[in-house]
């Protein structure tokens, strides 16, 4: 009856390893490297690199030929130049200044860095500047834009021109005229961002007075 037990060692005899076991008694690898396999691998790698280089060179040639065909032959206004001979072109300070100027004066719409509250505040500031100060409309005609407070005073003194009554068609059967008892809004309101800025300015002013 076969068993998995190893045969007993006899006195004075070493243990003979089986074929599927690794003999580590020598402490080093007894077999040599597979030189043929290494040579085959290196040869295949060299062939693969050479074929890949040839394919890339051929694809580049095809692309350049297609681009040259689209550009057409050279004329008296054009010529073929090898950009590799130019090397690394130095950066011009004038060019950097020009790019910076164009970047600062880039036309709207620009990319907003916030939710637009600052843009609205700037718009209202420009509107307040026009509404609260004198400014020219057309110097050649002598027309001037006056502050809104002065305009209200002049209107209160002189009054408004009375417009002729408008011809109103009689309502149809079942219709009624809408009656507005009070205006819904005065047409202008500060945003929450501007109100917060105004509160902060008032707090800073109070601290400065104290």
N, C-alpha and C. Protein backbone atom coordinates (compact mmCIF):
# COMPACT_ATOMS: atom_id res chain seq x y z
N UNK A 1 0.84 -1.19 0.00
CA UNK A 1 0.00 0.00 0.00
C UNK A 1 0.88 1.24 0.00
N UNK A 2 0.76 2.11 -1.01
CA UNK A 2 1.66 3.28 -1.10
C UNK A 2 1.27 4.31 -0.07
N UNK A 3 2.25 4.97 0.44
CA UNK A 3 2.06 6.06 1.40
C UNK A 3 2.87 7.26 0.95
N UNK A 4 2.62 8.41 1.57
CA UNK A 4 3.33 9.64 1.25
C UNK A 4 4.51 9.85 2.16
N UNK A 5 4.79 8.89 3.00
CA UNK A 5 5.92 9.04 3.90
C UNK A 5 7.22 8.86 3.16
N UNK A 6 8.25 9.67 3.51
CA UNK A 6 9.54 9.55 2.89
C UNK A 6 10.22 8.27 3.39
N UNK A 7 11.03 7.64 2.53
CA UNK A 7 11.75 6.42 2.99
C UNK A 7 12.75 6.77 4.08
N UNK A 8 12.88 5.88 5.00
CA UNK A 8 13.80 6.08 6.10
C UNK A 8 15.23 6.10 5.60
N UNK A 9 16.06 6.99 6.20
CA UNK A 9 17.45 7.08 5.83
C UNK A 9 18.23 5.99 6.54
N UNK A 10 19.12 5.46 5.77
CA UNK A 10 20.01 4.46 6.37
C UNK A 10 21.20 5.14 6.99
N UNK A 11 21.79 4.47 7.95
CA UNK A 11 22.97 5.02 8.61
C UNK A 11 24.11 5.18 7.63
N UNK A 12 24.71 6.38 7.60
CA UNK A 12 25.86 6.64 6.74
C UNK A 12 25.51 7.00 5.32
N UNK A 13 24.19 7.13 4.97
CA UNK A 13 23.78 7.47 3.59
C UNK A 13 23.00 8.78 3.61
N UNK A 14 23.31 9.70 2.64
CA UNK A 14 22.60 10.98 2.53
C UNK A 14 21.24 10.81 1.87
N UNK A 15 20.45 11.85 2.03
CA UNK A 15 19.12 11.83 1.43
C UNK A 15 19.20 12.24 -0.04
N UNK A 16 18.73 11.39 -0.91
CA UNK A 16 18.74 11.68 -2.34
C UNK A 16 17.46 12.45 -2.69
N UNK A 17 17.58 13.69 -3.21
CA UNK A 17 16.36 14.46 -3.52
C UNK A 17 15.63 13.87 -4.71
N UNK A 18 14.35 14.03 -4.69
CA UNK A 18 13.55 13.58 -5.83
C UNK A 18 13.67 14.58 -6.98
N UNK A 19 13.12 14.19 -8.14
CA UNK A 19 13.29 15.00 -9.33
C UNK A 19 12.54 16.34 -9.22
N UNK A 20 11.38 16.34 -8.55
CA UNK A 20 10.60 17.57 -8.47
C UNK A 20 11.07 18.47 -7.34
N UNK A 21 11.99 18.07 -6.55
CA UNK A 21 12.51 18.89 -5.48
C UNK A 21 13.75 19.66 -5.93
N UNK A 22 14.01 20.80 -5.26
CA UNK A 22 15.17 21.64 -5.56
C UNK A 22 16.27 21.29 -4.58
N UNK A 23 17.44 20.98 -5.14
CA UNK A 23 18.58 20.65 -4.30
C UNK A 23 19.30 21.94 -3.94
N UNK A 24 19.16 22.39 -2.70
CA UNK A 24 19.78 23.62 -2.23
C UNK A 24 20.96 23.33 -1.33
N UNK A 25 21.44 22.14 -1.39
CA UNK A 25 22.55 21.80 -0.51
C UNK A 25 23.85 22.49 -0.89
N UNK A 26 24.01 22.80 -2.22
CA UNK A 26 25.24 23.45 -2.66
C UNK A 26 25.27 24.93 -2.30
N UNK A 27 24.09 25.57 -2.14
CA UNK A 27 24.03 26.98 -1.79
C UNK A 27 24.10 27.91 -2.97
N UNK A 28 24.08 27.44 -4.18
CA UNK A 28 24.11 28.30 -5.36
C UNK A 28 23.45 27.55 -6.50
N UNK A 29 23.15 28.31 -7.58
CA UNK A 29 22.50 27.72 -8.75
C UNK A 29 23.52 26.92 -9.55
N UNK A 30 23.21 25.69 -9.78
CA UNK A 30 24.16 24.82 -10.48
C UNK A 30 24.01 24.89 -12.00
N UNK A 31 22.81 25.30 -12.46
CA UNK A 31 22.59 25.33 -13.91
C UNK A 31 22.99 26.69 -14.47
N UNK A 32 23.39 26.76 -15.74
CA UNK A 32 23.77 28.00 -16.40
C UNK A 32 22.55 28.71 -16.95
N UNK A 33 22.71 30.04 -17.22
CA UNK A 33 21.63 30.82 -17.82
C UNK A 33 21.36 30.34 -19.23
N UNK A 34 20.10 30.54 -19.66
CA UNK A 34 19.70 30.14 -21.01
C UNK A 34 20.18 31.22 -21.98
N UNK A 35 21.39 31.04 -22.49
CA UNK A 35 21.99 32.05 -23.38
C UNK A 35 21.19 32.18 -24.66
N UNK A 36 20.68 31.11 -25.15
CA UNK A 36 19.92 31.15 -26.41
C UNK A 36 18.65 31.99 -26.24
N UNK A 37 17.96 31.82 -25.13
CA UNK A 37 16.75 32.59 -24.90
C UNK A 37 17.04 34.08 -24.78
N UNK A 38 18.16 34.43 -24.12
CA UNK A 38 18.52 35.84 -23.99
C UNK A 38 18.85 36.44 -25.34
N UNK A 39 19.60 35.71 -26.14
CA UNK A 39 19.96 36.20 -27.47
C UNK A 39 18.72 36.37 -28.34
N UNK A 40 17.81 35.42 -28.27
CA UNK A 40 16.57 35.52 -29.06
C UNK A 40 15.75 36.74 -28.63
N UNK A 41 15.68 36.99 -27.31
CA UNK A 41 14.91 38.13 -26.81
C UNK A 41 15.53 39.45 -27.26
N UNK A 42 16.85 39.58 -27.13
CA UNK A 42 17.51 40.82 -27.55
C UNK A 42 17.38 41.04 -29.05
N UNK A 43 17.48 39.96 -29.81
CA UNK A 43 17.33 40.08 -31.27
C UNK A 43 15.92 40.53 -31.64
N UNK A 44 14.92 39.93 -30.99
CA UNK A 44 13.54 40.32 -31.27
C UNK A 44 13.29 41.77 -30.86
N UNK A 45 13.88 42.19 -29.72
CA UNK A 45 13.73 43.57 -29.28
C UNK A 45 14.35 44.55 -30.26
N UNK A 46 15.54 44.21 -30.79
CA UNK A 46 16.19 45.08 -31.77
C UNK A 46 15.39 45.17 -33.05
N UNK A 47 14.84 44.05 -33.50
CA UNK A 47 14.03 44.05 -34.72
C UNK A 47 12.77 44.89 -34.51
N UNK A 48 12.14 44.75 -33.33
CA UNK A 48 10.93 45.53 -33.05
C UNK A 48 11.23 47.03 -33.04
N UNK A 49 12.36 47.42 -32.41
CA UNK A 49 12.72 48.84 -32.38
C UNK A 49 13.02 49.37 -33.78
N UNK A 50 13.70 48.57 -34.60
CA UNK A 50 14.01 49.00 -35.95
C UNK A 50 12.75 49.15 -36.79
N UNK A 51 11.83 48.19 -36.67
CA UNK A 51 10.58 48.26 -37.45
C UNK A 51 9.74 49.45 -37.00
N UNK A 52 9.69 49.69 -35.68
CA UNK A 52 8.92 50.84 -35.18
C UNK A 52 9.51 52.15 -35.67
N UNK A 53 10.83 52.27 -35.67
CA UNK A 53 11.46 53.48 -36.17
C UNK A 53 11.19 53.70 -37.65
N UNK A 54 11.25 52.64 -38.42
CA UNK A 54 10.96 52.76 -39.85
C UNK A 54 9.51 53.17 -40.09
N UNK A 55 8.59 52.60 -39.31
CA UNK A 55 7.18 52.97 -39.47
C UNK A 55 6.96 54.43 -39.12
N UNK A 56 7.55 54.91 -38.02
CA UNK A 56 7.40 56.32 -37.64
C UNK A 56 8.00 57.24 -38.70
N UNK A 57 9.15 56.87 -39.24
CA UNK A 57 9.77 57.68 -40.29
C UNK A 57 8.89 57.73 -41.53
N UNK A 58 8.32 56.58 -41.91
CA UNK A 58 7.46 56.54 -43.08
C UNK A 58 6.18 57.34 -42.89
N UNK A 59 5.58 57.24 -41.67
CA UNK A 59 4.36 58.00 -41.41
C UNK A 59 4.66 59.50 -41.44
N UNK A 60 5.80 59.91 -40.88
CA UNK A 60 6.18 61.32 -40.92
C UNK A 60 6.37 61.81 -42.34
N UNK A 61 6.99 60.99 -43.18
CA UNK A 61 7.17 61.37 -44.58
C UNK A 61 5.83 61.55 -45.28
N UNK A 62 4.90 60.64 -45.01
CA UNK A 62 3.58 60.72 -45.65
C UNK A 62 2.85 61.98 -45.21
N UNK A 63 2.91 62.29 -43.91
CA UNK A 63 2.22 63.49 -43.40
C UNK A 63 2.84 64.75 -43.98
N UNK A 64 4.17 64.82 -44.02
CA UNK A 64 4.84 66.01 -44.57
C UNK A 64 4.54 66.18 -46.05
N UNK A 65 4.49 65.05 -46.77
CA UNK A 65 4.16 65.14 -48.19
C UNK A 65 2.74 65.66 -48.39
N UNK A 66 1.81 65.22 -47.53
CA UNK A 66 0.43 65.69 -47.64
C UNK A 66 0.33 67.18 -47.32
N UNK A 67 1.07 67.63 -46.30
CA UNK A 67 1.06 69.06 -45.96
C UNK A 67 1.68 69.90 -47.06
N UNK A 68 2.79 69.41 -47.66
CA UNK A 68 3.40 70.15 -48.76
C UNK A 68 2.47 70.23 -49.97
N UNK A 69 1.70 69.17 -50.18
CA UNK A 69 0.76 69.17 -51.30
C UNK A 69 -0.34 70.19 -51.07
N UNK A 70 -0.81 70.31 -49.82
CA UNK A 70 -1.85 71.29 -49.53
C UNK A 70 -1.31 72.73 -49.61
N UNK A 71 -0.05 72.93 -49.19
CA UNK A 71 0.53 74.27 -49.25
C UNK A 71 0.81 74.72 -50.67
N UNK A 72 1.09 73.78 -51.55
CA UNK A 72 1.37 74.14 -52.92
C UNK A 72 2.83 74.51 -53.11
N UNK A 73 3.24 74.78 -54.33
CA UNK A 73 4.65 75.13 -54.58
C UNK A 73 4.98 76.52 -54.06
N UNK A 74 6.26 76.75 -53.81
CA UNK A 74 6.73 78.04 -53.35
C UNK A 74 6.61 79.09 -54.44
N UNK A 75 6.31 80.32 -54.02
CA UNK A 75 6.23 81.44 -54.95
C UNK A 75 7.26 82.48 -54.54
N UNK A 76 7.19 83.65 -55.17
CA UNK A 76 8.15 84.70 -54.82
C UNK A 76 7.89 85.28 -53.44
N UNK A 77 6.71 84.97 -52.90
CA UNK A 77 6.38 85.47 -51.57
C UNK A 77 6.66 84.47 -50.47
N UNK A 78 6.93 83.24 -50.82
CA UNK A 78 7.15 82.20 -49.82
C UNK A 78 8.44 81.46 -50.13
N UNK A 79 8.96 80.82 -49.11
CA UNK A 79 10.15 79.98 -49.27
C UNK A 79 10.16 78.94 -48.16
N UNK A 80 10.87 77.88 -48.39
CA UNK A 80 10.99 76.81 -47.40
C UNK A 80 12.13 77.13 -46.46
N UNK A 81 11.85 77.07 -45.17
CA UNK A 81 12.85 77.40 -44.15
C UNK A 81 12.92 76.25 -43.16
N UNK A 82 14.13 75.98 -42.72
CA UNK A 82 14.36 74.94 -41.71
C UNK A 82 14.33 75.61 -40.34
N UNK A 83 13.25 75.38 -39.60
CA UNK A 83 13.09 76.04 -38.30
C UNK A 83 14.10 75.51 -37.29
N UNK A 84 14.68 74.36 -37.55
CA UNK A 84 15.64 73.83 -36.59
C UNK A 84 16.90 74.67 -36.53
N UNK A 85 17.21 75.39 -37.63
CA UNK A 85 18.39 76.24 -37.63
C UNK A 85 18.19 77.51 -36.81
N UNK A 86 16.92 77.85 -36.52
CA UNK A 86 16.66 79.06 -35.74
C UNK A 86 17.02 78.89 -34.27
N UNK A 87 16.91 77.67 -33.79
CA UNK A 87 17.21 77.42 -32.38
C UNK A 87 16.13 77.99 -31.47
N UNK A 88 16.46 78.19 -30.23
CA UNK A 88 15.54 78.77 -29.27
C UNK A 88 15.56 80.29 -29.39
N UNK A 89 14.45 80.85 -29.80
CA UNK A 89 14.37 82.30 -30.00
C UNK A 89 14.29 82.99 -28.64
N UNK A 90 15.08 84.03 -28.40
CA UNK A 90 15.03 84.74 -27.11
C UNK A 90 13.72 85.49 -26.94
N UNK A 91 13.30 85.62 -25.70
CA UNK A 91 12.08 86.34 -25.39
C UNK A 91 12.33 87.82 -25.45
N UNK A 92 11.45 88.54 -26.13
CA UNK A 92 11.60 89.98 -26.29
C UNK A 92 10.84 90.70 -25.19
N UNK A 93 11.47 91.66 -24.49
CA UNK A 93 10.73 92.43 -23.47
C UNK A 93 9.56 93.21 -24.07
N UNK A 94 9.73 93.73 -25.29
CA UNK A 94 8.64 94.45 -25.92
C UNK A 94 7.45 93.54 -26.18
N UNK A 95 7.76 92.29 -26.61
CA UNK A 95 6.68 91.35 -26.86
C UNK A 95 5.97 90.98 -25.57
N UNK A 96 6.73 90.81 -24.49
CA UNK A 96 6.09 90.49 -23.20
C UNK A 96 5.21 91.64 -22.74
N UNK A 97 5.68 92.87 -22.91
CA UNK A 97 4.87 94.02 -22.51
C UNK A 97 3.60 94.12 -23.36
N UNK A 98 3.73 93.81 -24.65
CA UNK A 98 2.57 93.87 -25.52
C UNK A 98 1.54 92.81 -25.13
N UNK A 99 2.02 91.62 -24.82
CA UNK A 99 1.10 90.56 -24.39
C UNK A 99 0.42 90.93 -23.08
N UNK A 100 1.18 91.51 -22.15
CA UNK A 100 0.59 91.93 -20.88
C UNK A 100 -0.46 93.02 -21.10
N UNK A 101 -0.17 93.95 -22.02
CA UNK A 101 -1.13 95.01 -22.31
C UNK A 101 -2.40 94.46 -22.92
N UNK A 102 -2.25 93.52 -23.87
CA UNK A 102 -3.42 92.92 -24.48
C UNK A 102 -4.22 92.11 -23.47
N UNK A 103 -3.52 91.47 -22.55
CA UNK A 103 -4.22 90.67 -21.54
C UNK A 103 -5.02 91.56 -20.60
N UNK A 104 -4.45 92.73 -20.23
CA UNK A 104 -5.16 93.62 -19.32
C UNK A 104 -6.34 94.30 -20.00
N UNK A 105 -6.21 94.58 -21.30
CA UNK A 105 -7.29 95.24 -22.02
C UNK A 105 -8.08 94.26 -22.87
N UNK A 106 -8.19 93.02 -22.41
CA UNK A 106 -8.93 92.03 -23.18
C UNK A 106 -10.40 92.42 -23.22
N UNK A 107 -11.02 92.37 -24.38
CA UNK A 107 -12.41 92.83 -24.48
C UNK A 107 -13.36 91.95 -23.69
N UNK A 108 -14.47 92.54 -23.31
CA UNK A 108 -15.51 91.80 -22.59
C UNK A 108 -16.24 90.87 -23.54
N UNK A 109 -16.86 89.82 -23.07
CA UNK A 109 -16.98 89.43 -21.66
C UNK A 109 -15.74 88.71 -21.16
N UNK A 110 -15.27 89.09 -19.97
CA UNK A 110 -14.14 88.43 -19.35
C UNK A 110 -14.63 87.34 -18.41
N UNK A 111 -13.71 86.48 -18.02
CA UNK A 111 -14.05 85.43 -17.07
C UNK A 111 -14.19 86.04 -15.69
N UNK A 112 -15.34 85.86 -15.07
CA UNK A 112 -15.59 86.44 -13.77
C UNK A 112 -15.00 85.56 -12.68
N UNK A 113 -14.36 86.21 -11.71
CA UNK A 113 -13.77 85.48 -10.59
C UNK A 113 -14.72 85.37 -9.41
N UNK A 114 -15.89 86.05 -9.48
CA UNK A 114 -16.87 85.93 -8.41
C UNK A 114 -18.24 85.76 -9.06
N UNK A 115 -19.28 85.97 -8.28
CA UNK A 115 -20.64 85.78 -8.80
C UNK A 115 -21.17 87.00 -9.53
N UNK A 116 -20.34 87.98 -9.82
CA UNK A 116 -20.77 89.16 -10.54
C UNK A 116 -21.18 90.31 -9.65
N UNK A 117 -21.09 90.16 -8.32
CA UNK A 117 -21.50 91.23 -7.42
C UNK A 117 -20.61 92.46 -7.58
N UNK A 118 -19.31 92.23 -7.78
CA UNK A 118 -18.39 93.36 -7.94
C UNK A 118 -18.68 94.12 -9.22
N UNK A 119 -19.04 93.42 -10.29
CA UNK A 119 -19.38 94.09 -11.54
C UNK A 119 -20.61 94.97 -11.38
N UNK A 120 -21.60 94.47 -10.65
CA UNK A 120 -22.81 95.27 -10.42
C UNK A 120 -22.48 96.49 -9.57
N UNK A 121 -21.62 96.29 -8.55
CA UNK A 121 -21.23 97.43 -7.71
C UNK A 121 -20.48 98.47 -8.53
N UNK A 122 -19.60 98.04 -9.43
CA UNK A 122 -18.89 98.99 -10.29
C UNK A 122 -19.85 99.72 -11.23
N UNK A 123 -20.85 98.99 -11.74
CA UNK A 123 -21.84 99.63 -12.61
C UNK A 123 -22.62 100.70 -11.86
N UNK A 124 -23.05 100.38 -10.65
CA UNK A 124 -23.79 101.37 -9.86
C UNK A 124 -22.91 102.55 -9.49
N UNK A 125 -21.63 102.30 -9.24
CA UNK A 125 -20.72 103.41 -8.94
C UNK A 125 -20.59 104.35 -10.13
N UNK A 126 -20.49 103.79 -11.34
CA UNK A 126 -20.43 104.64 -12.54
C UNK A 126 -21.74 105.40 -12.73
N UNK A 127 -22.86 104.73 -12.46
CA UNK A 127 -24.15 105.41 -12.58
C UNK A 127 -24.27 106.54 -11.57
N UNK A 128 -23.82 106.29 -10.32
CA UNK A 128 -23.86 107.34 -9.30
C UNK A 128 -22.97 108.52 -9.69
N UNK A 129 -21.84 108.22 -10.33
CA UNK A 129 -20.95 109.29 -10.76
C UNK A 129 -21.62 110.19 -11.80
N UNK A 130 -22.39 109.57 -12.70
CA UNK A 130 -23.09 110.35 -13.71
C UNK A 130 -24.29 111.08 -13.11
N UNK A 131 -24.97 110.45 -12.14
CA UNK A 131 -26.18 111.05 -11.59
C UNK A 131 -25.89 112.17 -10.60
N UNK A 132 -24.71 112.19 -10.03
CA UNK A 132 -24.41 113.15 -8.96
C UNK A 132 -23.46 114.26 -9.38
N UNK A 133 -23.04 114.29 -10.62
CA UNK A 133 -22.06 115.30 -11.05
C UNK A 133 -22.45 115.85 -12.42
N UNK A 134 -21.85 117.01 -12.73
CA UNK A 134 -22.02 117.59 -14.05
C UNK A 134 -21.06 116.92 -15.03
N UNK A 135 -21.51 116.72 -16.25
CA UNK A 135 -20.66 116.13 -17.28
C UNK A 135 -21.16 116.59 -18.65
N UNK A 136 -20.25 116.60 -19.59
CA UNK A 136 -20.58 117.02 -20.95
C UNK A 136 -21.32 115.92 -21.69
N UNK A 137 -22.32 116.31 -22.42
CA UNK A 137 -22.99 115.40 -23.36
C UNK A 137 -22.43 115.62 -24.76
N UNK A 138 -22.40 116.88 -25.19
CA UNK A 138 -21.84 117.24 -26.49
C UNK A 138 -21.25 118.64 -26.35
N UNK A 139 -19.90 118.75 -26.19
CA UNK A 139 -19.31 120.10 -26.01
C UNK A 139 -19.55 121.01 -27.20
N UNK A 140 -19.66 120.44 -28.41
CA UNK A 140 -19.86 121.31 -29.58
C UNK A 140 -21.23 121.98 -29.55
N UNK A 141 -22.24 121.34 -28.98
CA UNK A 141 -23.58 121.91 -28.90
C UNK A 141 -23.83 122.59 -27.55
N UNK A 142 -22.90 122.39 -26.61
CA UNK A 142 -23.08 123.01 -25.31
C UNK A 142 -24.06 122.30 -24.41
N UNK A 143 -24.36 121.07 -24.69
CA UNK A 143 -25.29 120.31 -23.85
C UNK A 143 -24.52 119.66 -22.70
N UNK A 144 -25.11 119.80 -21.50
CA UNK A 144 -24.46 119.33 -20.28
C UNK A 144 -25.43 118.42 -19.54
N UNK A 145 -24.88 117.41 -18.93
CA UNK A 145 -25.67 116.52 -18.07
C UNK A 145 -25.58 117.06 -16.64
N UNK A 146 -26.73 117.34 -16.03
CA UNK A 146 -26.76 117.92 -14.69
C UNK A 146 -27.07 116.84 -13.67
N UNK A 147 -26.74 117.08 -12.39
CA UNK A 147 -27.05 116.09 -11.36
C UNK A 147 -28.55 115.88 -11.21
N UNK A 148 -28.90 114.72 -10.74
CA UNK A 148 -30.32 114.38 -10.65
C UNK A 148 -31.04 115.23 -9.61
N UNK A 149 -30.32 115.60 -8.53
CA UNK A 149 -30.95 116.44 -7.51
C UNK A 149 -31.30 117.82 -8.09
N UNK A 150 -30.39 118.39 -8.89
CA UNK A 150 -30.66 119.68 -9.52
C UNK A 150 -31.78 119.56 -10.53
N UNK A 151 -31.82 118.45 -11.24
CA UNK A 151 -32.90 118.25 -12.22
C UNK A 151 -34.25 118.16 -11.52
N UNK A 152 -34.30 117.52 -10.36
CA UNK A 152 -35.56 117.45 -9.62
C UNK A 152 -35.98 118.83 -9.12
N UNK A 153 -35.02 119.65 -8.71
CA UNK A 153 -35.36 121.01 -8.27
C UNK A 153 -35.93 121.83 -9.42
N UNK A 154 -35.29 121.72 -10.60
CA UNK A 154 -35.79 122.47 -11.75
C UNK A 154 -37.18 122.00 -12.16
N UNK A 155 -37.40 120.71 -12.09
CA UNK A 155 -38.73 120.20 -12.45
C UNK A 155 -39.77 120.68 -11.45
N UNK A 156 -39.39 120.71 -10.16
CA UNK A 156 -40.34 121.19 -9.14
C UNK A 156 -40.65 122.67 -9.35
N UNK A 157 -39.67 123.45 -9.84
CA UNK A 157 -39.91 124.88 -10.06
C UNK A 157 -40.68 125.14 -11.34
N UNK A 158 -40.29 124.50 -12.41
CA UNK A 158 -40.88 124.79 -13.72
C UNK A 158 -42.06 123.90 -14.04
N UNK A 159 -42.07 122.71 -13.47
CA UNK A 159 -43.13 121.78 -13.81
C UNK A 159 -42.83 121.03 -15.10
N UNK A 160 -43.62 120.06 -15.36
CA UNK A 160 -43.47 119.25 -16.56
C UNK A 160 -44.47 119.68 -17.62
N UNK A 161 -44.10 119.46 -18.84
CA UNK A 161 -45.01 119.75 -19.93
C UNK A 161 -46.19 118.79 -19.88
N UNK A 162 -47.35 119.37 -20.05
CA UNK A 162 -48.56 118.55 -20.01
C UNK A 162 -48.75 117.91 -21.37
N UNK A 163 -48.81 116.61 -21.36
CA UNK A 163 -49.02 115.88 -22.60
C UNK A 163 -50.49 115.87 -22.94
N UNK A 164 -50.80 115.87 -24.21
CA UNK A 164 -52.23 115.83 -24.58
C UNK A 164 -52.84 114.51 -24.12
N UNK A 165 -54.07 114.56 -23.75
CA UNK A 165 -54.71 113.32 -23.29
C UNK A 165 -54.70 112.25 -24.37
N UNK A 166 -54.38 111.08 -23.94
CA UNK A 166 -54.33 109.97 -24.90
C UNK A 166 -55.73 109.47 -25.18
N UNK A 167 -55.91 109.10 -26.41
CA UNK A 167 -57.20 108.55 -26.80
C UNK A 167 -57.27 107.09 -26.34
N UNK A 168 -58.19 106.86 -25.46
CA UNK A 168 -58.34 105.54 -24.88
C UNK A 168 -59.60 104.91 -25.44
N UNK A 169 -59.44 103.73 -25.92
CA UNK A 169 -60.60 103.02 -26.44
C UNK A 169 -61.46 102.53 -25.29
N UNK A 170 -62.75 102.59 -25.46
CA UNK A 170 -63.63 102.08 -24.37
C UNK A 170 -63.41 100.58 -24.19
N UNK A 171 -63.45 100.13 -22.95
CA UNK A 171 -63.24 98.69 -22.71
C UNK A 171 -64.34 97.85 -23.31
N UNK A 172 -63.98 96.67 -23.64
CA UNK A 172 -64.96 95.75 -24.20
C UNK A 172 -65.83 95.19 -23.09
N UNK A 173 -66.85 94.52 -23.48
CA UNK A 173 -67.81 93.98 -22.51
C UNK A 173 -67.10 92.95 -21.62
N UNK A 174 -67.21 93.15 -20.33
CA UNK A 174 -66.60 92.23 -19.38
C UNK A 174 -65.20 92.61 -18.96
N UNK A 175 -64.60 93.62 -19.61
CA UNK A 175 -63.25 94.05 -19.24
C UNK A 175 -63.34 95.15 -18.19
N UNK A 176 -62.28 95.29 -17.43
CA UNK A 176 -62.18 96.35 -16.42
C UNK A 176 -60.78 96.94 -16.46
N UNK A 177 -60.68 98.22 -16.14
CA UNK A 177 -59.39 98.87 -16.16
C UNK A 177 -58.62 98.54 -14.89
N UNK A 178 -57.31 98.20 -15.02
CA UNK A 178 -56.52 97.92 -13.81
C UNK A 178 -56.27 99.20 -13.03
N UNK A 179 -56.38 99.11 -11.72
CA UNK A 179 -56.17 100.26 -10.84
C UNK A 179 -54.93 100.00 -9.99
N UNK A 180 -53.97 100.91 -10.08
CA UNK A 180 -52.72 100.80 -9.31
C UNK A 180 -52.76 101.85 -8.21
N UNK A 181 -52.78 101.40 -6.99
CA UNK A 181 -52.88 102.32 -5.85
C UNK A 181 -51.53 102.88 -5.45
N UNK A 182 -50.45 102.13 -5.64
CA UNK A 182 -49.12 102.59 -5.25
C UNK A 182 -48.09 101.92 -6.15
N UNK A 183 -46.96 102.58 -6.40
CA UNK A 183 -45.94 101.95 -7.26
C UNK A 183 -45.35 100.72 -6.57
N UNK A 184 -45.08 99.74 -7.37
CA UNK A 184 -44.50 98.51 -6.84
C UNK A 184 -43.05 98.70 -6.44
N UNK A 185 -42.30 99.50 -7.18
CA UNK A 185 -40.90 99.74 -6.88
C UNK A 185 -40.48 101.06 -7.50
N UNK A 186 -39.41 101.63 -6.97
CA UNK A 186 -38.90 102.86 -7.54
C UNK A 186 -37.95 102.62 -8.70
N UNK A 187 -37.73 101.34 -9.05
CA UNK A 187 -36.91 101.01 -10.21
C UNK A 187 -35.44 100.82 -9.91
N UNK A 188 -35.05 100.95 -8.65
CA UNK A 188 -33.64 100.78 -8.33
C UNK A 188 -33.51 100.26 -6.91
N UNK A 189 -32.58 99.34 -6.71
CA UNK A 189 -32.32 98.80 -5.37
C UNK A 189 -30.89 98.33 -5.31
N UNK A 190 -30.23 98.60 -4.20
CA UNK A 190 -28.87 98.14 -4.00
C UNK A 190 -28.86 96.64 -3.77
N UNK A 191 -27.82 95.99 -4.26
CA UNK A 191 -27.68 94.56 -4.04
C UNK A 191 -27.20 94.29 -2.63
N UNK A 192 -27.32 93.04 -2.20
CA UNK A 192 -26.86 92.65 -0.86
C UNK A 192 -25.36 92.87 -0.72
N UNK A 193 -24.63 92.66 -1.79
CA UNK A 193 -23.19 92.90 -1.76
C UNK A 193 -22.88 94.37 -1.50
N UNK A 194 -23.60 95.28 -2.18
CA UNK A 194 -23.38 96.70 -1.97
C UNK A 194 -23.84 97.13 -0.58
N UNK A 195 -24.95 96.57 -0.09
CA UNK A 195 -25.40 96.90 1.25
C UNK A 195 -24.39 96.46 2.30
N UNK A 196 -23.80 95.26 2.12
CA UNK A 196 -22.77 94.81 3.06
C UNK A 196 -21.54 95.70 2.99
N UNK A 197 -21.15 96.11 1.78
CA UNK A 197 -20.02 97.02 1.65
C UNK A 197 -20.31 98.36 2.33
N UNK A 198 -21.54 98.87 2.19
CA UNK A 198 -21.89 100.13 2.82
C UNK A 198 -21.87 100.01 4.35
N UNK A 199 -22.35 98.88 4.87
CA UNK A 199 -22.30 98.67 6.32
C UNK A 199 -20.87 98.62 6.82
N UNK A 200 -20.00 97.94 6.08
CA UNK A 200 -18.60 97.90 6.49
C UNK A 200 -17.95 99.28 6.45
N UNK A 201 -18.29 100.08 5.44
CA UNK A 201 -17.76 101.44 5.37
C UNK A 201 -18.25 102.26 6.55
N UNK A 202 -19.54 102.11 6.93
CA UNK A 202 -20.08 102.85 8.07
C UNK A 202 -19.39 102.44 9.37
N UNK A 203 -19.14 101.12 9.53
CA UNK A 203 -18.44 100.65 10.73
C UNK A 203 -17.04 101.20 10.80
N UNK A 204 -16.32 101.21 9.66
CA UNK A 204 -14.97 101.75 9.64
C UNK A 204 -14.97 103.25 9.91
N UNK A 205 -15.98 103.95 9.43
CA UNK A 205 -16.07 105.39 9.68
C UNK A 205 -16.31 105.66 11.17
N UNK A 206 -17.18 104.86 11.79
CA UNK A 206 -17.43 105.04 13.22
C UNK A 206 -16.18 104.76 14.04
N UNK A 207 -15.44 103.73 13.67
CA UNK A 207 -14.21 103.42 14.38
C UNK A 207 -13.18 104.53 14.21
N UNK A 208 -13.13 105.16 13.03
CA UNK A 208 -12.21 106.24 12.80
C UNK A 208 -12.56 107.47 13.62
N UNK A 209 -13.87 107.75 13.78
CA UNK A 209 -14.28 108.88 14.60
C UNK A 209 -13.97 108.67 16.06
N UNK A 210 -14.13 107.41 16.52
CA UNK A 210 -13.83 107.11 17.92
C UNK A 210 -12.33 107.16 18.17
